[in-house]
Amino acid sequence: RDKAKNTAYLQMNILKVEDTAVYFCASK
């Protein structure tokens, strides 16, 4: 996460077919 940019990141490497999905961000 980069607090200065109010942004969180998910770096996904070596992606597989089974990673196919809708990805949702959530916070609390």
mmCIF file of all heavy atoms, coordinates in Angstrom:
data_MODEL
# 
_entry.id   MODEL 
# 
loop_
_atom_site.group_PDB 
_atom_site.id 
_atom_site.type_symbol 
_atom_site.label_atom_id 
_atom_site.label_alt_id 
_atom_site.label_comp_id 
_atom_site.label_asym_id 
_atom_site.label_entity_id 
_atom_site.label_seq_id 
_atom_site.pdbx_PDB_ins_code 
_atom_site.Cartn_x 
_atom_site.Cartn_y 
_atom_site.Cartn_z 
_atom_site.occupancy 
_atom_site.B_iso_or_equiv 
_atom_site.pdbx_formal_charge 
_atom_site.auth_seq_id 
_atom_site.auth_comp_id 
_atom_site.auth_asym_id 
_atom_site.auth_atom_id 
_atom_site.pdbx_PDB_model_num 
ATOM 1   N N   . ARG A 1 1  ? 0.844   -1.192  0.000   1.00 0.00 ? 1  ARG A N   1 
ATOM 2   C CA  . ARG A 1 1  ? 0.000   0.000   0.000   1.00 0.00 ? 1  ARG A CA  1 
ATOM 3   C C   . ARG A 1 1  ? 0.878   1.239   0.000   1.00 0.00 ? 1  ARG A C   1 
ATOM 4   O O   . ARG A 1 1  ? 2.002   1.226   0.533   1.00 0.00 ? 1  ARG A O   1 
ATOM 5   C CB  . ARG A 1 1  ? -0.974  0.005   1.180   1.00 0.00 ? 1  ARG A CB  1 
ATOM 6   C CG  . ARG A 1 1  ? -0.349  0.136   2.540   1.00 0.00 ? 1  ARG A CG  1 
ATOM 7   C CD  . ARG A 1 1  ? -1.406  -0.056  3.644   1.00 0.00 ? 1  ARG A CD  1 
ATOM 8   N NE  . ARG A 1 1  ? -2.521  0.868   3.493   1.00 0.00 ? 1  ARG A NE  1 
ATOM 9   C CZ  . ARG A 1 1  ? -3.681  0.759   4.169   1.00 0.00 ? 1  ARG A CZ  1 
ATOM 10  N NH1 . ARG A 1 1  ? -3.849  -0.239  5.013   1.00 0.00 ? 1  ARG A NH1 1 
ATOM 11  N NH2 . ARG A 1 1  ? -4.646  1.633   3.989   1.00 0.00 ? 1  ARG A NH2 1 
ATOM 12  N N   . ASP A 1 2  ? 0.338   2.279   -0.601  1.00 0.00 ? 2  ASP A N   1 
ATOM 13  C CA  . ASP A 1 2  ? 1.005   3.574   -0.645  1.00 0.00 ? 2  ASP A CA  1 
ATOM 14  C C   . ASP A 1 2  ? 0.037   4.565   -0.017  1.00 0.00 ? 2  ASP A C   1 
ATOM 15  O O   . ASP A 1 2  ? -0.925  5.001   -0.663  1.00 0.00 ? 2  ASP A O   1 
ATOM 16  C CB  . ASP A 1 2  ? 1.338   3.953   -2.086  1.00 0.00 ? 2  ASP A CB  1 
ATOM 17  C CG  . ASP A 1 2  ? 2.119   5.244   -2.198  1.00 0.00 ? 2  ASP A CG  1 
ATOM 18  O OD1 . ASP A 1 2  ? 2.041   6.083   -1.268  1.00 0.00 ? 2  ASP A OD1 1 
ATOM 19  O OD2 . ASP A 1 2  ? 2.800   5.434   -3.223  1.00 0.00 ? 2  ASP A OD2 1 
ATOM 20  N N   . LYS A 1 3  ? 0.292   4.928   1.231   1.00 0.00 ? 3  LYS A N   1 
ATOM 21  C CA  . LYS A 1 3  ? -0.650  5.785   1.938   1.00 0.00 ? 3  LYS A CA  1 
ATOM 22  C C   . LYS A 1 3  ? -0.699  7.187   1.340   1.00 0.00 ? 3  LYS A C   1 
ATOM 23  O O   . LYS A 1 3  ? -1.736  7.847   1.376   1.00 0.00 ? 3  LYS A O   1 
ATOM 24  C CB  . LYS A 1 3  ? -0.305  5.827   3.417   1.00 0.00 ? 3  LYS A CB  1 
ATOM 25  C CG  . LYS A 1 3  ? -0.608  4.514   4.129   1.00 0.00 ? 3  LYS A CG  1 
ATOM 26  C CD  . LYS A 1 3  ? -0.559  4.652   5.626   1.00 0.00 ? 3  LYS A CD  1 
ATOM 27  C CE  . LYS A 1 3  ? -1.018  3.370   6.302   1.00 0.00 ? 3  LYS A CE  1 
ATOM 28  N NZ  . LYS A 1 3  ? -1.048  3.495   7.765   1.00 0.00 ? 3  LYS A NZ  1 
ATOM 29  N N   . ALA A 1 4  ? 0.382   7.642   0.789   1.00 0.00 ? 4  ALA A N   1 
ATOM 30  C CA  . ALA A 1 4  ? 0.400   8.975   0.186   1.00 0.00 ? 4  ALA A CA  1 
ATOM 31  C C   . ALA A 1 4  ? -0.552  9.049   -1.011  1.00 0.00 ? 4  ALA A C   1 
ATOM 32  O O   . ALA A 1 4  ? -1.084  10.106  -1.326  1.00 0.00 ? 4  ALA A O   1 
ATOM 33  C CB  . ALA A 1 4  ? 1.812   9.334   -0.242  1.00 0.00 ? 4  ALA A CB  1 
ATOM 34  N N   . LYS A 1 5  ? -0.770  7.887   -1.655  1.00 0.00 ? 5  LYS A N   1 
ATOM 35  C CA  . LYS A 1 5  ? -1.652  7.830   -2.820  1.00 0.00 ? 5  LYS A CA  1 
ATOM 36  C C   . LYS A 1 5  ? -3.017  7.241   -2.489  1.00 0.00 ? 5  LYS A C   1 
ATOM 37  O O   . LYS A 1 5  ? -3.842  7.054   -3.389  1.00 0.00 ? 5  LYS A O   1 
ATOM 38  C CB  . LYS A 1 5  ? -0.989  7.013   -3.933  1.00 0.00 ? 5  LYS A CB  1 
ATOM 39  C CG  . LYS A 1 5  ? 0.287   7.637   -4.479  1.00 0.00 ? 5  LYS A CG  1 
ATOM 40  C CD  . LYS A 1 5  ? 0.853   6.802   -5.612  1.00 0.00 ? 5  LYS A CD  1 
ATOM 41  C CE  . LYS A 1 5  ? 2.102   7.444   -6.196  1.00 0.00 ? 5  LYS A CE  1 
ATOM 42  N NZ  . LYS A 1 5  ? 2.678   6.648   -7.312  1.00 0.00 ? 5  LYS A NZ  1 
ATOM 43  N N   . ASN A 1 6  ? -3.228  6.909   -1.220  1.00 0.00 ? 6  ASN A N   1 
ATOM 44  C CA  . ASN A 1 6  ? -4.492  6.276   -0.819  1.00 0.00 ? 6  ASN A CA  1 
ATOM 45  C C   . ASN A 1 6  ? -4.802  5.071   -1.698  1.00 0.00 ? 6  ASN A C   1 
ATOM 46  O O   . ASN A 1 6  ? -5.927  4.880   -2.165  1.00 0.00 ? 6  ASN A O   1 
ATOM 47  C CB  . ASN A 1 6  ? -5.655  7.274   -0.909  1.00 0.00 ? 6  ASN A CB  1 
ATOM 48  C CG  . ASN A 1 6  ? -5.760  8.147   0.317   1.00 0.00 ? 6  ASN A CG  1 
ATOM 49  O OD1 . ASN A 1 6  ? -5.045  7.958   1.304   1.00 0.00 ? 6  ASN A OD1 1 
ATOM 50  N ND2 . ASN A 1 6  ? -6.634  9.127   0.255   1.00 0.00 ? 6  ASN A ND2 1 
ATOM 51  N N   . THR A 1 7  ? -3.794  4.253   -1.916  1.00 0.00 ? 7  THR A N   1 
ATOM 52  C CA  . THR A 1 7  ? -3.929  3.132   -2.831  1.00 0.00 ? 7  THR A CA  1 
ATOM 53  C C   . THR A 1 7  ? -3.271  1.877   -2.257  1.00 0.00 ? 7  THR A C   1 
ATOM 54  O O   . THR A 1 7  ? -2.198  1.955   -1.658  1.00 0.00 ? 7  THR A O   1 
ATOM 55  C CB  . THR A 1 7  ? -3.293  3.465   -4.196  1.00 0.00 ? 7  THR A CB  1 
ATOM 56  O OG1 . THR A 1 7  ? -3.934  4.620   -4.740  1.00 0.00 ? 7  THR A OG1 1 
ATOM 57  C CG2 . THR A 1 7  ? -3.457  2.307   -5.168  1.00 0.00 ? 7  THR A CG2 1 
ATOM 58  N N   . ALA A 1 8  ? -3.931  0.755   -2.458  1.00 0.00 ? 8  ALA A N   1 
ATOM 59  C CA  . ALA A 1 8  ? -3.371  -0.548  -2.122  1.00 0.00 ? 8  ALA A CA  1 
ATOM 60  C C   . ALA A 1 8  ? -3.230  -1.337  -3.427  1.00 0.00 ? 8  ALA A C   1 
ATOM 61  O O   . ALA A 1 8  ? -4.022  -1.159  -4.363  1.00 0.00 ? 8  ALA A O   1 
ATOM 62  C CB  . ALA A 1 8  ? -4.256  -1.293  -1.141  1.00 0.00 ? 8  ALA A CB  1 
ATOM 63  N N   . TYR A 1 9  ? -2.234  -2.205  -3.456  1.00 0.00 ? 9  TYR A N   1 
ATOM 64  C CA  . TYR A 1 9  ? -1.924  -2.935  -4.680  1.00 0.00 ? 9  TYR A CA  1 
ATOM 65  C C   . TYR A 1 9  ? -1.897  -4.440  -4.434  1.00 0.00 ? 9  TYR A C   1 
ATOM 66  O O   . TYR A 1 9  ? -1.473  -4.896  -3.368  1.00 0.00 ? 9  TYR A O   1 
ATOM 67  C CB  . TYR A 1 9  ? -0.549  -2.522  -5.218  1.00 0.00 ? 9  TYR A CB  1 
ATOM 68  C CG  . TYR A 1 9  ? -0.413  -1.044  -5.483  1.00 0.00 ? 9  TYR A CG  1 
ATOM 69  C CD1 . TYR A 1 9  ? 0.191   -0.203  -4.542  1.00 0.00 ? 9  TYR A CD1 1 
ATOM 70  C CD2 . TYR A 1 9  ? -0.885  -0.482  -6.662  1.00 0.00 ? 9  TYR A CD2 1 
ATOM 71  C CE1 . TYR A 1 9  ? 0.329   1.153   -4.765  1.00 0.00 ? 9  TYR A CE1 1 
ATOM 72  C CE2 . TYR A 1 9  ? -0.757  0.877   -6.901  1.00 0.00 ? 9  TYR A CE2 1 
ATOM 73  C CZ  . TYR A 1 9  ? -0.154  1.687   -5.954  1.00 0.00 ? 9  TYR A CZ  1 
ATOM 74  O OH  . TYR A 1 9  ? -0.037  3.029   -6.186  1.00 0.00 ? 9  TYR A OH  1 
ATOM 75  N N   . LEU A 1 10 ? -2.330  -5.185  -5.426  1.00 0.00 ? 10 LEU A N   1 
ATOM 76  C CA  . LEU A 1 10 ? -2.180  -6.633  -5.420  1.00 0.00 ? 10 LEU A CA  1 
ATOM 77  C C   . LEU A 1 10 ? -1.376  -6.999  -6.660  1.00 0.00 ? 10 LEU A C   1 
ATOM 78  O O   . LEU A 1 10 ? -1.862  -6.889  -7.781  1.00 0.00 ? 10 LEU A O   1 
ATOM 79  C CB  . LEU A 1 10 ? -3.541  -7.339  -5.442  1.00 0.00 ? 10 LEU A CB  1 
ATOM 80  C CG  . LEU A 1 10 ? -3.477  -8.862  -5.423  1.00 0.00 ? 10 LEU A CG  1 
ATOM 81  C CD1 . LEU A 1 10 ? -2.935  -9.339  -4.071  1.00 0.00 ? 10 LEU A CD1 1 
ATOM 82  C CD2 . LEU A 1 10 ? -4.848  -9.477  -5.683  1.00 0.00 ? 10 LEU A CD2 1 
ATOM 83  N N   . GLN A 1 11 ? -0.129  -7.401  -6.443  1.00 0.00 ? 11 GLN A N   1 
ATOM 84  C CA  . GLN A 1 11 ? 0.723   -7.829  -7.530  1.00 0.00 ? 11 GLN A CA  1 
ATOM 85  C C   . GLN A 1 11 ? 0.546   -9.324  -7.717  1.00 0.00 ? 11 GLN A C   1 
ATOM 86  O O   . GLN A 1 11 ? 0.803   -10.110 -6.805  1.00 0.00 ? 11 GLN A O   1 
ATOM 87  C CB  . GLN A 1 11 ? 2.193   -7.513  -7.212  1.00 0.00 ? 11 GLN A CB  1 
ATOM 88  C CG  . GLN A 1 11 ? 3.177   -7.971  -8.280  1.00 0.00 ? 11 GLN A CG  1 
ATOM 89  C CD  . GLN A 1 11 ? 3.022   -7.231  -9.586  1.00 0.00 ? 11 GLN A CD  1 
ATOM 90  O OE1 . GLN A 1 11 ? 2.849   -6.019  -9.601  1.00 0.00 ? 11 GLN A OE1 1 
ATOM 91  N NE2 . GLN A 1 11 ? 3.073   -7.967  -10.697 1.00 0.00 ? 11 GLN A NE2 1 
ATOM 92  N N   . MET A 1 12 ? 0.103   -9.695  -8.898  1.00 0.00 ? 12 MET A N   1 
ATOM 93  C CA  . MET A 1 12 ? -0.190  -11.098 -9.180  1.00 0.00 ? 12 MET A CA  1 
ATOM 94  C C   . MET A 1 12 ? 0.780   -11.600 -10.243 1.00 0.00 ? 12 MET A C   1 
ATOM 95  O O   . MET A 1 12 ? 0.790   -11.112 -11.372 1.00 0.00 ? 12 MET A O   1 
ATOM 96  C CB  . MET A 1 12 ? -1.635  -11.235 -9.683  1.00 0.00 ? 12 MET A CB  1 
ATOM 97  C CG  . MET A 1 12 ? -2.658  -10.641 -8.727  1.00 0.00 ? 12 MET A CG  1 
ATOM 98  S SD  . MET A 1 12 ? -4.363  -10.966 -9.235  1.00 0.00 ? 12 MET A SD  1 
ATOM 99  C CE  . MET A 1 12 ? -4.438  -10.051 -10.762 1.00 0.00 ? 12 MET A CE  1 
ATOM 100 N N   . ASN A 1 13 ? 1.603   -12.556 -9.846  1.00 0.00 ? 13 ASN A N   1 
ATOM 101 C CA  . ASN A 1 13 ? 2.596   -13.132 -10.758 1.00 0.00 ? 13 ASN A CA  1 
ATOM 102 C C   . ASN A 1 13 ? 2.276   -14.601 -11.035 1.00 0.00 ? 13 ASN A C   1 
ATOM 103 O O   . ASN A 1 13 ? 1.549   -15.242 -10.269 1.00 0.00 ? 13 ASN A O   1 
ATOM 104 C CB  . ASN A 1 13 ? 3.992   -13.020 -10.146 1.00 0.00 ? 13 ASN A CB  1 
ATOM 105 C CG  . ASN A 1 13 ? 4.414   -11.588 -9.898  1.00 0.00 ? 13 ASN A CG  1 
ATOM 106 O OD1 . ASN A 1 13 ? 4.094   -10.682 -10.679 1.00 0.00 ? 13 ASN A OD1 1 
ATOM 107 N ND2 . ASN A 1 13 ? 5.129   -11.362 -8.814  1.00 0.00 ? 13 ASN A ND2 1 
ATOM 108 N N   . ILE A 1 14 ? 2.839   -15.115 -12.090 1.00 0.00 ? 14 ILE A N   1 
ATOM 109 C CA  . ILE A 1 14 ? 2.662   -16.520 -12.480 1.00 0.00 ? 14 ILE A CA  1 
ATOM 110 C C   . ILE A 1 14 ? 1.178   -16.875 -12.434 1.00 0.00 ? 14 ILE A C   1 
ATOM 111 O O   . ILE A 1 14 ? 0.744   -17.839 -11.782 1.00 0.00 ? 14 ILE A O   1 
ATOM 112 C CB  . ILE A 1 14 ? 3.474   -17.479 -11.582 1.00 0.00 ? 14 ILE A CB  1 
ATOM 113 C CG1 . ILE A 1 14 ? 4.877   -16.918 -11.331 1.00 0.00 ? 14 ILE A CG1 1 
ATOM 114 C CG2 . ILE A 1 14 ? 3.584   -18.854 -12.248 1.00 0.00 ? 14 ILE A CG2 1 
ATOM 115 C CD1 . ILE A 1 14 ? 5.699   -17.734 -10.357 1.00 0.00 ? 14 ILE A CD1 1 
ATOM 116 N N   . LEU A 1 15 ? 0.374   -16.088 -13.111 1.00 0.00 ? 15 LEU A N   1 
ATOM 117 C CA  . LEU A 1 15 ? -1.075  -16.289 -13.073 1.00 0.00 ? 15 LEU A CA  1 
ATOM 118 C C   . LEU A 1 15 ? -1.456  -17.622 -13.684 1.00 0.00 ? 15 LEU A C   1 
ATOM 119 O O   . LEU A 1 15 ? -0.835  -18.105 -14.649 1.00 0.00 ? 15 LEU A O   1 
ATOM 120 C CB  . LEU A 1 15 ? -1.779  -15.151 -13.794 1.00 0.00 ? 15 LEU A CB  1 
ATOM 121 C CG  . LEU A 1 15 ? -1.889  -13.871 -12.973 1.00 0.00 ? 15 LEU A CG  1 
ATOM 122 C CD1 . LEU A 1 15 ? -2.177  -12.671 -13.859 1.00 0.00 ? 15 LEU A CD1 1 
ATOM 123 C CD2 . LEU A 1 15 ? -2.962  -14.006 -11.900 1.00 0.00 ? 15 LEU A CD2 1 
ATOM 124 N N   . LYS A 1 16 ? -2.482  -18.228 -13.100 1.00 0.00 ? 16 LYS A N   1 
ATOM 125 C CA  . LYS A 1 16 ? -2.990  -19.510 -13.547 1.00 0.00 ? 16 LYS A CA  1 
ATOM 126 C C   . LYS A 1 16 ? -4.422  -19.353 -14.039 1.00 0.00 ? 16 LYS A C   1 
ATOM 127 O O   . LYS A 1 16 ? -5.116  -18.409 -13.656 1.00 0.00 ? 16 LYS A O   1 
ATOM 128 C CB  . LYS A 1 16 ? -2.959  -20.514 -12.398 1.00 0.00 ? 16 LYS A CB  1 
ATOM 129 C CG  . LYS A 1 16 ? -1.580  -20.726 -11.787 1.00 0.00 ? 16 LYS A CG  1 
ATOM 130 C CD  . LYS A 1 16 ? -1.656  -21.687 -10.612 1.00 0.00 ? 16 LYS A CD  1 
ATOM 131 C CE  . LYS A 1 16 ? -0.284  -21.915 -9.990  1.00 0.00 ? 16 LYS A CE  1 
ATOM 132 N NZ  . LYS A 1 16 ? -0.356  -22.856 -8.842  1.00 0.00 ? 16 LYS A NZ  1 
ATOM 133 N N   . VAL A 1 17 ? -4.872  -20.291 -14.834 1.00 0.00 ? 17 VAL A N   1 
ATOM 134 C CA  . VAL A 1 17 ? -6.249  -20.240 -15.327 1.00 0.00 ? 17 VAL A CA  1 
ATOM 135 C C   . VAL A 1 17 ? -7.229  -20.185 -14.159 1.00 0.00 ? 17 VAL A C   1 
ATOM 136 O O   . VAL A 1 17 ? -8.239  -19.475 -14.215 1.00 0.00 ? 17 VAL A O   1 
ATOM 137 C CB  . VAL A 1 17 ? -6.533  -21.456 -16.226 1.00 0.00 ? 17 VAL A CB  1 
ATOM 138 C CG1 . VAL A 1 17 ? -8.007  -21.518 -16.582 1.00 0.00 ? 17 VAL A CG1 1 
ATOM 139 C CG2 . VAL A 1 17 ? -5.668  -21.416 -17.477 1.00 0.00 ? 17 VAL A CG2 1 
ATOM 140 N N   . GLU A 1 18 ? -6.897  -20.887 -13.083 1.00 0.00 ? 18 GLU A N   1 
ATOM 141 C CA  . GLU A 1 18 ? -7.805  -20.923 -11.922 1.00 0.00 ? 18 GLU A CA  1 
ATOM 142 C C   . GLU A 1 18 ? -7.838  -19.614 -11.142 1.00 0.00 ? 18 GLU A C   1 
ATOM 143 O O   . GLU A 1 18 ? -8.614  -19.478 -10.202 1.00 0.00 ? 18 GLU A O   1 
ATOM 144 C CB  . GLU A 1 18 ? -7.442  -22.087 -10.990 1.00 0.00 ? 18 GLU A CB  1 
ATOM 145 C CG  . GLU A 1 18 ? -5.985  -22.165 -10.620 1.00 0.00 ? 18 GLU A CG  1 
ATOM 146 C CD  . GLU A 1 18 ? -5.214  -23.132 -11.505 1.00 0.00 ? 18 GLU A CD  1 
ATOM 147 O OE1 . GLU A 1 18 ? -5.430  -23.135 -12.736 1.00 0.00 ? 18 GLU A OE1 1 
ATOM 148 O OE2 . GLU A 1 18 ? -4.373  -23.886 -10.967 1.00 0.00 ? 18 GLU A OE2 1 
ATOM 149 N N   . ASP A 1 19 ? -6.996  -18.656 -11.510 1.00 0.00 ? 19 ASP A N   1 
ATOM 150 C CA  . ASP A 1 19 ? -7.071  -17.322 -10.896 1.00 0.00 ? 19 ASP A CA  1 
ATOM 151 C C   . ASP A 1 19 ? -8.149  -16.461 -11.555 1.00 0.00 ? 19 ASP A C   1 
ATOM 152 O O   . ASP A 1 19 ? -8.425  -15.348 -11.089 1.00 0.00 ? 19 ASP A O   1 
ATOM 153 C CB  . ASP A 1 19 ? -5.727  -16.602 -11.012 1.00 0.00 ? 19 ASP A CB  1 
ATOM 154 C CG  . ASP A 1 19 ? -4.626  -17.252 -10.188 1.00 0.00 ? 19 ASP A CG  1 
ATOM 155 O OD1 . ASP A 1 19 ? -4.908  -17.678 -9.060  1.00 0.00 ? 19 ASP A OD1 1 
ATOM 156 O OD2 . ASP A 1 19 ? -3.488  -17.337 -10.697 1.00 0.00 ? 19 ASP A OD2 1 
ATOM 157 N N   . THR A 1 20 ? -8.749  -16.956 -12.612 1.00 0.00 ? 20 THR A N   1 
ATOM 158 C CA  . THR A 1 20 ? -9.799  -16.208 -13.308 1.00 0.00 ? 20 THR A CA  1 
ATOM 159 C C   . THR A 1 20 ? -10.981 -15.961 -12.375 1.00 0.00 ? 20 THR A C   1 
ATOM 160 O O   . THR A 1 20 ? -11.527 -16.888 -11.783 1.00 0.00 ? 20 THR A O   1 
ATOM 161 C CB  . THR A 1 20 ? -10.276 -16.985 -14.553 1.00 0.00 ? 20 THR A CB  1 
ATOM 162 O OG1 . THR A 1 20 ? -9.194  -17.075 -15.480 1.00 0.00 ? 20 THR A OG1 1 
ATOM 163 C CG2 . THR A 1 20 ? -11.454 -16.282 -15.204 1.00 0.00 ? 20 THR A CG2 1 
ATOM 164 N N   . ALA A 1 21 ? -11.341 -14.692 -12.222 1.00 0.00 ? 21 ALA A N   1 
ATOM 165 C CA  . ALA A 1 21 ? -12.418 -14.309 -11.310 1.00 0.00 ? 21 ALA A CA  1 
ATOM 166 C C   . ALA A 1 21 ? -12.623 -12.803 -11.380 1.00 0.00 ? 21 ALA A C   1 
ATOM 167 O O   . ALA A 1 21 ? -11.806 -12.084 -11.967 1.00 0.00 ? 21 ALA A O   1 
ATOM 168 C CB  . ALA A 1 21 ? -12.086 -14.711 -9.872  1.00 0.00 ? 21 ALA A CB  1 
ATOM 169 N N   . VAL A 1 22 ? -13.684 -12.352 -10.750 1.00 0.00 ? 22 VAL A N   1 
ATOM 170 C CA  . VAL A 1 22 ? -13.838 -10.924 -10.473 1.00 0.00 ? 22 VAL A CA  1 
ATOM 171 C C   . VAL A 1 22 ? -13.167 -10.683 -9.128  1.00 0.00 ? 22 VAL A C   1 
ATOM 172 O O   . VAL A 1 22 ? -13.451 -11.377 -8.148  1.00 0.00 ? 22 VAL A O   1 
ATOM 173 C CB  . VAL A 1 22 ? -15.312 -10.508 -10.423 1.00 0.00 ? 22 VAL A CB  1 
ATOM 174 C CG1 . VAL A 1 22 ? -15.415 -9.029  -10.069 1.00 0.00 ? 22 VAL A CG1 1 
ATOM 175 C CG2 . VAL A 1 22 ? -15.993 -10.798 -11.751 1.00 0.00 ? 22 VAL A CG2 1 
ATOM 176 N N   . TYR A 1 23 ? -12.282 -9.719  -9.086  1.00 0.00 ? 23 TYR A N   1 
ATOM 177 C CA  . TYR A 1 23 ? -11.534 -9.395  -7.875  1.00 0.00 ? 23 TYR A CA  1 
ATOM 178 C C   . TYR A 1 23 ? -12.133 -8.148  -7.235  1.00 0.00 ? 23 TYR A C   1 
ATOM 179 O O   . TYR A 1 23 ? -12.299 -7.117  -7.895  1.00 0.00 ? 23 TYR A O   1 
ATOM 180 C CB  . TYR A 1 23 ? -10.066 -9.175  -8.205  1.00 0.00 ? 23 TYR A CB  1 
ATOM 181 C CG  . TYR A 1 23 ? -9.317  -10.471 -8.435  1.00 0.00 ? 23 TYR A CG  1 
ATOM 182 C CD1 . TYR A 1 23 ? -9.563  -11.242 -9.570  1.00 0.00 ? 23 TYR A CD1 1 
ATOM 183 C CD2 . TYR A 1 23 ? -8.401  -10.951 -7.509  1.00 0.00 ? 23 TYR A CD2 1 
ATOM 184 C CE1 . TYR A 1 23 ? -8.913  -12.442 -9.780  1.00 0.00 ? 23 TYR A CE1 1 
ATOM 185 C CE2 . TYR A 1 23 ? -7.730  -12.146 -7.711  1.00 0.00 ? 23 TYR A CE2 1 
ATOM 186 C CZ  . TYR A 1 23 ? -7.991  -12.891 -8.853  1.00 0.00 ? 23 TYR A CZ  1 
ATOM 187 O OH  . TYR A 1 23 ? -7.336  -14.086 -9.056  1.00 0.00 ? 23 TYR A OH  1 
ATOM 188 N N   . PHE A 1 24 ? -12.424 -8.261  -5.948  1.00 0.00 ? 24 PHE A N   1 
ATOM 189 C CA  . PHE A 1 24 ? -13.030 -7.170  -5.198  1.00 0.00 ? 24 PHE A CA  1 
ATOM 190 C C   . PHE A 1 24 ? -12.071 -6.667  -4.129  1.00 0.00 ? 24 PHE A C   1 
ATOM 191 O O   . PHE A 1 24 ? -11.460 -7.458  -3.411  1.00 0.00 ? 24 PHE A O   1 
ATOM 192 C CB  . PHE A 1 24 ? -14.310 -7.637  -4.509  1.00 0.00 ? 24 PHE A CB  1 
ATOM 193 C CG  . PHE A 1 24 ? -15.394 -8.064  -5.443  1.00 0.00 ? 24 PHE A CG  1 
ATOM 194 C CD1 . PHE A 1 24 ? -15.484 -9.380  -5.856  1.00 0.00 ? 24 PHE A CD1 1 
ATOM 195 C CD2 . PHE A 1 24 ? -16.334 -7.150  -5.899  1.00 0.00 ? 24 PHE A CD2 1 
ATOM 196 C CE1 . PHE A 1 24 ? -16.494 -9.785  -6.713  1.00 0.00 ? 24 PHE A CE1 1 
ATOM 197 C CE2 . PHE A 1 24 ? -17.347 -7.547  -6.764  1.00 0.00 ? 24 PHE A CE2 1 
ATOM 198 C CZ  . PHE A 1 24 ? -17.424 -8.872  -7.172  1.00 0.00 ? 24 PHE A CZ  1 
ATOM 199 N N   . CYS A 1 25 ? -11.987 -5.369  -4.023  1.00 0.00 ? 25 CYS A N   1 
ATOM 200 C CA  . CYS A 1 25 ? -11.246 -4.736  -2.947  1.00 0.00 ? 25 CYS A CA  1 
ATOM 201 C C   . CYS A 1 25 ? -12.219 -4.427  -1.814  1.00 0.00 ? 25 CYS A C   1 
ATOM 202 O O   . CYS A 1 25 ? -13.366 -4.038  -2.059  1.00 0.00 ? 25 CYS A O   1 
ATOM 203 C CB  . CYS A 1 25 ? -10.614 -3.448  -3.463  1.00 0.00 ? 25 CYS A CB  1 
ATOM 204 S SG  . CYS A 1 25 ? -9.782  -2.466  -2.224  1.00 0.00 ? 25 CYS A SG  1 
ATOM 205 N N   . ALA A 1 26 ? -11.761 -4.595  -0.578  1.00 0.00 ? 26 ALA A N   1 
ATOM 206 C CA  . ALA A 1 26 ? -12.589 -4.306  0.579   1.00 0.00 ? 26 ALA A CA  1 
ATOM 207 C C   . ALA A 1 26 ? -11.721 -3.663  1.651   1.00 0.00 ? 26 ALA A C   1 
ATOM 208 O O   . ALA A 1 26 ? -10.505 -3.886  1.689   1.00 0.00 ? 26 ALA A O   1 
ATOM 209 C CB  . ALA A 1 26 ? -13.226 -5.578  1.115   1.00 0.00 ? 26 ALA A CB  1 
ATOM 210 N N   . SER A 1 27 ? -12.352 -2.890  2.520   1.00 0.00 ? 27 SER A N   1 
ATOM 211 C CA  . SER A 1 27 ? -11.580 -2.271  3.598   1.00 0.00 ? 27 SER A CA  1 
ATOM 212 C C   . SER A 1 27 ? -12.419 -2.136  4.862   1.00 0.00 ? 27 SER A C   1 
ATOM 213 O O   . SER A 1 27 ? -13.651 -2.227  4.831   1.00 0.00 ? 27 SER A O   1 
ATOM 214 C CB  . SER A 1 27 ? -11.042 -0.905  3.165   1.00 0.00 ? 27 SER A CB  1 
ATOM 215 O OG  . SER A 1 27 ? -12.051 0.079   3.177   1.00 0.00 ? 27 SER A OG  1 
ATOM 216 N N   . LYS A 1 28 ? -11.732 -1.948  5.972   1.00 0.00 ? 28 LYS A N   1 
ATOM 217 C CA  . LYS A 1 28 ? -12.396 -1.736  7.258   1.00 0.00 ? 28 LYS A CA  1 
ATOM 218 C C   . LYS A 1 28 ? -11.455 -0.923  8.131   1.00 0.00 ? 28 LYS A C   1 
ATOM 219 O O   . LYS A 1 28 ? -10.228 -1.085  8.080   1.00 0.00 ? 28 LYS A O   1 
ATOM 220 C CB  . LYS A 1 28 ? -12.709 -3.070  7.935   1.00 0.00 ? 28 LYS A CB  1 
ATOM 221 C CG  . LYS A 1 28 ? -11.474 -3.903  8.231   1.00 0.00 ? 28 LYS A CG  1 
ATOM 222 C CD  . LYS A 1 28 ? -11.811 -5.189  8.975   1.00 0.00 ? 28 LYS A CD  1 
ATOM 223 C CE  . LYS A 1 28 ? -10.552 -6.004  9.232   1.00 0.00 ? 28 LYS A CE  1 
ATOM 224 N NZ  . LYS A 1 28 ? -10.844 -7.235  10.012  1.00 0.00 ? 28 LYS A NZ  1 
# 
